[in-house]
Protein backbone atom coordinates (compact mmCIF):
# COMPACT_ATOMS: atom_id res chain seq x y z
CA MET A 1 -22.81 170.18 -63.10
CA PHE A 2 -26.08 168.32 -62.46
CA TYR A 3 -27.43 164.88 -63.31
CA TYR A 4 -28.70 164.61 -66.87
CA TYR A 5 -29.58 161.42 -68.69
CA GLY A 6 -26.95 160.78 -71.37
CA ARG A 7 -24.39 163.21 -69.99
CA LYS A 8 -20.73 162.66 -70.80
CA LYS A 9 -19.24 163.06 -67.32
CA GLN A 10 -17.70 159.58 -67.15
CA ILE A 11 -16.22 159.63 -70.66
CA ALA A 12 -15.34 163.31 -71.09
CA LYS A 13 -11.69 162.30 -70.79
CA CYS A 14 -12.04 160.27 -74.01
CA TYR A 15 -12.71 163.29 -76.22
CA PRO A 16 -10.10 165.62 -77.77
CA LYS A 17 -8.94 168.56 -75.72
CA PRO A 18 -10.32 171.87 -77.02
CA ASN A 19 -7.97 173.69 -79.39
CA PHE A 20 -9.83 177.00 -79.33
CA ASN A 21 -10.43 179.59 -76.63
CA THR A 22 -14.19 179.19 -77.06
CA ILE A 23 -16.24 176.03 -76.52
CA ILE A 24 -19.79 175.88 -77.86
CA GLU A 25 -22.23 173.15 -76.81
CA PRO A 26 -25.34 173.52 -79.00
CA PHE A 27 -27.12 170.72 -77.09
CA ALA A 28 -26.01 171.80 -73.65
CA GLY A 29 -27.62 169.30 -71.28
CA SER A 30 -25.39 169.29 -68.21
CA ALA A 31 -22.31 170.46 -70.18
CA ALA A 32 -20.02 167.71 -68.87
CA TYR A 33 -17.40 168.32 -71.58
CA SER A 34 -17.11 172.02 -70.82
CA LEU A 35 -16.72 171.23 -67.11
CA HIS A 36 -14.07 168.56 -67.65
CA ASN A 37 -10.59 169.37 -66.31
CA ASP A 38 -9.67 172.95 -67.25
CA ASN A 39 -12.11 173.24 -70.14
CA TRP A 40 -14.34 175.42 -67.95
CA LYS A 41 -11.75 178.22 -68.06
CA LYS A 42 -12.51 178.77 -71.75
CA HIS A 43 -15.21 181.08 -73.07
CA VAL A 44 -18.09 178.62 -72.90
CA ILE A 45 -21.35 179.19 -74.79
CA LEU A 46 -24.23 176.84 -74.06
CA ILE A 47 -27.26 176.56 -76.34
CA GLU A 48 -30.23 174.81 -74.77
CA LYS A 49 -33.65 174.48 -76.39
CA ASP A 50 -35.44 172.94 -73.40
CA LYS A 51 -36.64 175.90 -71.32
CA LYS A 52 -36.55 173.94 -68.07
CA VAL A 53 -32.91 172.96 -68.58
CA PHE A 54 -32.09 176.49 -69.70
CA ASP A 55 -33.63 177.85 -66.50
CA ILE A 56 -31.29 175.70 -64.40
CA TRP A 57 -28.25 177.03 -66.22
CA ASP A 58 -29.54 180.59 -66.13
CA TRP A 59 -29.90 180.29 -62.37
CA LEU A 60 -26.45 178.78 -61.87
CA ILE A 61 -24.65 181.20 -64.20
CA ASN A 62 -26.47 184.47 -63.60
CA LYS A 63 -28.28 184.30 -60.27
CA ALA A 64 -27.19 181.68 -57.75
CA SER A 65 -24.76 182.49 -54.93
CA GLU A 66 -22.87 180.09 -52.68
CA LYS A 67 -25.41 180.92 -49.98
CA ASP A 68 -28.22 179.87 -52.32
CA ILE A 69 -26.47 176.56 -52.93
CA ARG A 70 -25.95 175.91 -49.23
CA ASN A 71 -29.66 176.57 -48.68
CA LEU A 72 -30.78 173.92 -51.17
CA PRO A 73 -32.84 171.37 -49.24
CA GLU A 74 -32.00 167.74 -48.71
CA LEU A 75 -34.33 165.23 -50.35
CA LYS A 76 -35.67 162.45 -48.19
CA VAL A 77 -36.66 159.08 -49.59
CA GLY A 78 -40.42 158.79 -49.86
CA GLU A 79 -41.25 162.48 -50.06
CA LYS A 80 -42.54 164.11 -53.26
CA SER A 81 -41.16 167.00 -55.29
CA SER A 82 -42.40 169.01 -58.26
CA GLU A 83 -39.08 170.83 -58.81
CA PHE A 84 -37.59 169.97 -62.20
CA LEU A 85 -34.07 170.34 -60.81
CA HIS A 86 -34.91 167.51 -58.40
CA ILE A 87 -36.82 165.40 -60.90
CA ILE A 88 -34.00 165.09 -63.46
CA HIS A 89 -31.86 163.38 -60.83
CA ALA A 90 -34.12 160.32 -61.07
CA ALA A 91 -31.76 158.68 -63.61
CA THR A 92 -34.40 158.19 -66.30
CA LYS A 93 -35.19 159.95 -69.57
CA MET A 94 -38.86 159.90 -68.61
CA ALA A 95 -38.04 162.47 -65.93
CA PHE A 96 -38.36 165.14 -68.62
CA PHE A 97 -42.11 164.49 -68.67
CA PHE A 98 -42.77 164.13 -64.94
CA LYS A 99 -44.63 166.94 -63.19
CA ASN A 100 -43.79 165.53 -59.78
CA ILE A 101 -41.88 162.56 -58.45
CA LYS A 102 -41.51 160.42 -55.37
CA VAL A 103 -37.95 160.54 -54.09
CA THR A 104 -36.17 157.20 -54.46
CA PRO A 105 -32.81 156.23 -52.95
CA VAL A 106 -31.19 156.76 -56.37
CA LEU A 107 -32.69 160.24 -56.74
CA ALA A 108 -31.73 161.21 -53.18
CA ARG A 109 -28.14 160.04 -53.73
CA ASN A 110 -27.78 161.80 -57.08
CA TRP A 111 -29.18 165.00 -55.62
CA GLU A 112 -26.79 164.93 -52.67
CA ILE A 113 -23.86 164.52 -55.05
CA SER A 114 -25.08 167.41 -57.20
CA ARG A 115 -25.46 169.70 -54.18
CA ARG A 116 -21.77 169.16 -53.41
CA VAL A 117 -20.79 169.68 -57.04
CA PHE A 118 -22.82 172.91 -57.21
CA LEU A 119 -20.96 174.30 -54.22
CA GLU A 120 -17.53 173.18 -55.46
CA SER A 121 -18.01 174.27 -59.06
CA LEU A 122 -20.33 177.29 -59.06
CA TYR A 123 -17.44 179.71 -59.58
CA LYS A 124 -16.40 177.83 -62.71
CA VAL A 125 -19.52 178.76 -64.67
CA LYS A 126 -20.03 182.40 -63.73
CA HIS A 127 -18.27 183.66 -66.89
CA TRP A 128 -20.21 181.29 -69.17
CA THR A 129 -23.05 182.25 -71.52
CA ILE A 130 -26.35 180.38 -71.77
CA ILE A 131 -28.79 180.88 -74.65
CA ASN A 132 -32.33 179.48 -74.83
CA ALA A 133 -32.57 178.51 -78.51
CA ASP A 134 -32.41 175.78 -81.10
CA TYR A 135 -28.94 174.52 -82.04
CA SER A 136 -29.24 176.24 -85.42
CA ASN A 137 -29.22 179.63 -83.69
CA ALA A 138 -25.73 179.18 -82.27
CA PRO A 139 -23.29 181.89 -83.44
CA ASN A 140 -20.99 180.49 -86.13
CA ILE A 141 -17.64 181.59 -84.73
CA GLU A 142 -14.28 179.83 -84.52
CA ALA A 143 -14.60 177.47 -81.60
CA THR A 144 -14.40 173.92 -80.37
CA TRP A 145 -17.89 172.64 -81.15
CA PHE A 146 -18.98 169.84 -78.83
CA ILE A 147 -22.13 168.55 -80.52
CA ASP A 148 -24.07 165.98 -78.46
CA PRO A 149 -27.66 165.75 -79.77
CA PRO A 150 -30.28 163.15 -78.84
CA TYR A 151 -28.88 160.13 -80.65
CA LYS A 152 -30.55 158.97 -83.83
CA GLY A 153 -32.98 156.09 -83.27
CA THR A 154 -34.36 154.58 -80.09
CA SER A 155 -31.59 155.80 -77.79
CA GLY A 156 -32.52 159.40 -78.59
CA MET A 157 -36.12 159.00 -77.50
CA GLY A 158 -37.50 160.11 -74.15
CA TYR A 159 -36.21 163.66 -74.13
CA LYS A 160 -38.67 166.51 -74.61
CA HIS A 161 -36.85 167.44 -77.84
CA ASN A 162 -36.13 163.88 -78.95
CA SER A 163 -34.70 162.15 -82.01
CA LYS A 164 -38.05 162.10 -83.83
CA LEU A 165 -37.98 165.90 -83.93
CA ILE A 166 -34.50 166.20 -85.45
CA ASN A 167 -33.66 166.24 -89.16
CA TYR A 168 -30.27 164.58 -88.95
CA GLU A 169 -29.24 165.37 -92.51
CA SER A 170 -29.82 169.07 -91.79
CA LEU A 171 -27.92 168.71 -88.53
CA ALA A 172 -24.97 167.14 -90.37
CA ASN A 173 -24.87 169.92 -92.97
CA TRP A 174 -25.08 172.53 -90.23
CA ALA A 175 -22.26 170.90 -88.28
CA LEU A 176 -19.95 170.68 -91.29
CA ASN A 177 -20.34 174.43 -91.82
CA ARG A 178 -19.12 175.32 -88.31
CA LYS A 179 -15.91 177.30 -88.01
CA GLY A 180 -13.19 175.64 -85.95
CA GLU A 181 -13.08 172.01 -84.82
CA ILE A 182 -16.01 169.61 -84.48
CA ILE A 183 -16.43 166.93 -81.83
CA PHE A 184 -19.70 165.18 -82.70
CA CYS A 185 -21.13 162.49 -80.41
CA GLU A 186 -23.55 159.79 -81.53
CA GLY A 187 -24.74 156.23 -81.03
CA ILE A 188 -24.48 153.07 -83.08
CA GLU A 189 -27.53 153.87 -85.26
CA ALA A 190 -26.02 157.09 -86.64
CA ASP A 191 -25.35 156.99 -90.38
CA TYR A 192 -25.47 160.63 -91.46
CA LEU A 193 -21.75 161.33 -90.97
CA PRO A 194 -18.73 158.97 -91.09
CA PHE A 195 -18.85 158.19 -87.38
CA LYS A 196 -16.28 155.86 -85.83
CA GLN A 197 -16.29 153.98 -82.57
CA LEU A 198 -14.90 155.92 -79.64
CA ILE A 199 -15.50 153.54 -76.75
CA GLU A 200 -17.72 150.66 -75.67
CA LEU A 201 -19.66 151.17 -72.45
CA LYS A 202 -21.06 148.57 -70.08
CA GLY A 203 -24.56 149.46 -68.96
CA VAL A 204 -27.28 148.04 -66.75
CA ALA A 205 -27.64 144.23 -66.60
CA GLY A 206 -24.47 143.72 -68.64
CA LYS A 207 -25.79 145.52 -71.70
CA ARG A 208 -23.15 147.25 -73.80
CA SER A 209 -23.42 150.34 -75.94
CA GLN A 210 -21.15 151.92 -78.52
CA GLU A 211 -20.21 155.56 -78.25
CA MET A 212 -19.45 156.90 -81.71
CA ILE A 213 -17.66 160.06 -82.77
CA PHE A 214 -17.08 162.24 -85.80
CA TYR A 215 -14.10 164.52 -85.35
CA ARG A 216 -12.92 167.28 -87.64
CA ALA A 217 -9.72 168.98 -86.55
CA LYS A 218 -9.12 172.72 -86.75
CA ASN A 219 -7.25 172.21 -90.02
CA GLY A 220 -10.37 170.71 -91.56
CA LYS A 221 -9.09 167.12 -91.56
CA SER A 222 -10.93 164.23 -89.97
CA LEU A 223 -8.92 161.99 -87.66
CA ASP A 224 -9.39 158.41 -86.59
CA SER A 225 -10.66 158.23 -83.03
CA GLN A 226 -7.60 156.30 -81.87
CA GLN A 227 -5.40 159.26 -82.84
CA PHE A 228 -6.74 161.34 -79.98
CA LEU A 229 -8.27 158.86 -77.53
CA PHE A 230 -6.91 159.46 -74.02
CA ARG A 231 -4.22 161.80 -75.32
């Protein structure tokens, strides 16, 4: 819905389709999986610990109208903004710590794209639920659980609630006790569940990164990633 560092918008198509009528994202971010294709039509529950990110979702789901979206200002290169909704479009994890920012061409472009997406997609999220809480407070109901935490190690740093603040063994135990199916995203440093490679991504300056996945189907069985990739 909006720009968020580490979001899954470009690779949402690579993950299994939801097999339950409810989708729960306990690390909501920008909820790219829940917005992908027709996933948004499900009963979507977002859990977001970061109050600033929660406030964006609360506004979009419970308060914003199409008129409000149309009235969002343009951002001009060189001007400054202290609005968090603007700042996170800067395409850097450090944006979570900025109190204000000078608008760059990248930020201005990302913001303009998001303004269009807000207007086109606002109706999709009006039946969703957003909860400001830690992942562990998510209701344990039968659902498709899309679990996308800050990745273990260096790639999970930079966020306000970063990888240093997460007990990954506890997270793994919590995830395995969820009812329904589990789609668990991680990076190459993850070793606390039997993750398998999902896809290799090409990043800035030719750098490549591995997107890993642990998947447990609704019948309780784990599948190899190639059994559902691009299905």
